C-alpha atoms as a PDB file:
ATOM      1  CA  UNK A   1       0.072   0.057  -0.048  1.00  0.00           C
ATOM      2  CA  UNK A   2       1.232   3.390  -0.786  1.00  0.00           C
ATOM      3  CA  UNK A   3       1.683   6.301   1.692  1.00  0.00           C
ATOM      4  CA  UNK A   4      -1.365   7.907  -0.056  1.00  0.00           C
ATOM      5  CA  UNK A   5      -3.596   4.923   0.325  1.00  0.00           C
ATOM      6  CA  UNK A   6      -2.489   4.403   3.897  1.00  0.00           C
ATOM      7  CA  UNK A   7      -3.340   8.066   4.821  1.00  0.00           C
ATOM      8  CA  UNK A   8      -6.802   7.878   3.006  1.00  0.00           C
ATOM      9  CA  UNK A   9      -7.739   4.725   4.759  1.00  0.00           C
ATOM     10  CA  UNK A  10      -6.536   6.161   7.973  1.00  0.00           C
ATOM     11  CA  UNK A  11      -8.516   9.343   7.660  1.00  0.00           C
ATOM     12  CA  UNK A  12     -11.758   7.172   7.450  1.00  0.00           C
ATOM     13  CA  UNK A  13     -11.184   6.271  10.972  1.00  0.00           C
ATOM     14  CA  UNK A  14     -12.335   8.129  13.907  1.00  0.00           C
ATOM     15  CA  UNK A  15     -10.031  11.116  14.887  1.00  0.00           C
ATOM     16  CA  UNK A  16      -7.885  10.671  17.879  1.00  0.00           C
ATOM     17  CA  UNK A  17      -8.282  14.526  18.690  1.00  0.00           C
ATOM     18  CA  UNK A  18      -9.812  17.758  17.567  1.00  0.00           C
ATOM     19  CA  UNK A  19      -8.359  21.293  17.831  1.00  0.00           C
ATOM     20  CA  UNK A  20      -9.533  24.430  16.114  1.00  0.00           C
ATOM     21  CA  UNK A  21      -7.839  23.950  12.964  1.00  0.00           C
ATOM     22  CA  UNK A  22      -6.962  20.040  12.547  1.00  0.00           C
ATOM     23  CA  UNK A  23      -8.484  16.929  13.128  1.00  0.00           C
ATOM     24  CA  UNK A  24      -5.492  14.508  14.549  1.00  0.00           C
ATOM     25  CA  UNK A  25      -5.446  10.807  13.231  1.00  0.00           C
ATOM     26  CA  UNK A  26      -3.183   7.982  14.107  1.00  0.00           C
ATOM     27  CA  UNK A  27      -1.761   6.224  11.070  1.00  0.00           C
ATOM     28  CA  UNK A  28       0.670   3.279  10.479  1.00  0.00           C
ATOM     29  CA  UNK A  29       3.132   5.882   9.351  1.00  0.00           C
ATOM     30  CA  UNK A  30       2.693   8.445  12.063  1.00  0.00           C
ATOM     31  CA  UNK A  31       0.471  11.187  13.247  1.00  0.00           C
ATOM     32  CA  UNK A  32      -1.753  12.906  10.706  1.00  0.00           C
ATOM     33  CA  UNK A  33      -3.071  16.569  11.196  1.00  0.00           C
ATOM     34  CA  UNK A  34      -5.902  16.973   8.721  1.00  0.00           C
ATOM     35  CA  UNK A  35      -6.525  20.695   8.256  1.00  0.00           C
ATOM     36  CA  UNK A  36     -10.049  22.055   8.728  1.00  0.00           C
ATOM     37  CA  UNK A  37      -8.885  25.069   6.558  1.00  0.00           C
ATOM     38  CA  UNK A  38      -8.969  26.044   2.997  1.00  0.00           C
ATOM     39  CA  UNK A  39      -6.012  24.812   0.854  1.00  0.00           C
ATOM     40  CA  UNK A  40      -5.100  28.536   0.116  1.00  0.00           C
ATOM     41  CA  UNK A  41      -3.449  28.735   3.614  1.00  0.00           C
ATOM     42  CA  UNK A  42       0.301  28.289   3.244  1.00  0.00           C
ATOM     43  CA  UNK A  43       1.801  25.077   4.339  1.00  0.00           C
ATOM     44  CA  UNK A  44       4.424  26.747   6.565  1.00  0.00           C
ATOM     45  CA  UNK A  45       1.705  28.580   8.540  1.00  0.00           C
ATOM     46  CA  UNK A  46      -0.261  25.352   8.739  1.00  0.00           C
ATOM     47  CA  UNK A  47       2.791  23.500  10.179  1.00  0.00           C
ATOM     48  CA  UNK A  48       3.302  26.121  12.717  1.00  0.00           C
ATOM     49  CA  UNK A  49      -0.313  25.902  13.737  1.00  0.00           C
ATOM     50  CA  UNK A  50       0.045  22.060  13.849  1.00  0.00           C
ATOM     51  CA  UNK A  51       2.913  22.170  16.233  1.00  0.00           C
ATOM     52  CA  UNK A  52       0.948  24.473  18.798  1.00  0.00           C
ATOM     53  CA  UNK A  53      -2.339  22.871  18.561  1.00  0.00           C
ATOM     54  CA  UNK A  54      -0.749  19.548  18.714  1.00  0.00           C
ATOM     55  CA  UNK A  55       0.207  20.393  22.335  1.00  0.00           C
ATOM     56  CA  UNK A  56      -3.333  20.828  23.199  1.00  0.00           C
ATOM     57  CA  UNK A  57      -3.968  17.115  22.497  1.00  0.00           C
ATOM     58  CA  UNK A  58      -0.677  16.072  24.219  1.00  0.00           C
ATOM     59  CA  UNK A  59       1.426  15.666  21.202  1.00  0.00           C
ATOM     60  CA  UNK A  60       4.859  17.289  21.164  1.00  0.00           C
ATOM     61  CA  UNK A  61       5.643  16.959  17.422  1.00  0.00           C
ATOM     62  CA  UNK A  62       8.529  19.702  17.382  1.00  0.00           C
ATOM     63  CA  UNK A  63      11.264  16.947  16.892  1.00  0.00           C
ATOM     64  CA  UNK A  64       9.434  14.846  14.327  1.00  0.00           C
ATOM     65  CA  UNK A  65      10.014  14.831  10.606  1.00  0.00           C
ATOM     66  CA  UNK A  66       7.001  16.210   8.543  1.00  0.00           C
ATOM     67  CA  UNK A  67       5.508  15.807   5.084  1.00  0.00           C
ATOM     68  CA  UNK A  68       2.487  17.491   3.454  1.00  0.00           C
ATOM     69  CA  UNK A  69       0.111  15.467   1.570  1.00  0.00           C
ATOM     70  CA  UNK A  70      -3.047  16.418  -0.260  1.00  0.00           C
ATOM     71  CA  UNK A  71      -5.956  13.898   0.436  1.00  0.00           C
ATOM     72  CA  UNK A  72      -9.581  13.723  -0.680  1.00  0.00           C
ATOM     73  CA  UNK A  73     -10.403  15.528   2.592  1.00  0.00           C
ATOM     74  CA  UNK A  74      -7.711  18.198   2.156  1.00  0.00           C
ATOM     75  CA  UNK A  75      -4.384  19.104   3.313  1.00  0.00           C
ATOM     76  CA  UNK A  76      -2.592  16.552   5.852  1.00  0.00           C
ATOM     77  CA  UNK A  77       0.507  17.287   7.697  1.00  0.00           C
ATOM     78  CA  UNK A  78       2.082  13.939   8.420  1.00  0.00           C
ATOM     79  CA  UNK A  79       4.405  13.788  11.439  1.00  0.00           C
ATOM     80  CA  UNK A  80       6.802  10.647  11.865  1.00  0.00           C
ATOM     81  CA  UNK A  81      10.125   9.628  13.438  1.00  0.00           C
END
C-alpha cells in the first residue's frame, strides 16, 4: 500500500483528537493533522499551527519529521520519526 493509500484509509477512521484547525489521526506511518481550513492557507503557516495545536491534544511534534500531503479530505501534515 502506498503512503497516500494508507493516509486515505486512516482518515476514514475516527479522529484521536480535535483542535480548532485540525483533526488528528493515528496512522501506520505517524500522526496526521488534517487541516480544517481552505487549501489557500500556506503550508508553513499550517505547520506552525499544527505544532502549537498538537500540544493541546498532548502531542509534542517539534522533533518529528514532517511531510505535506493532499488527500481527498484536504491538506494533511504527516509527522513521523
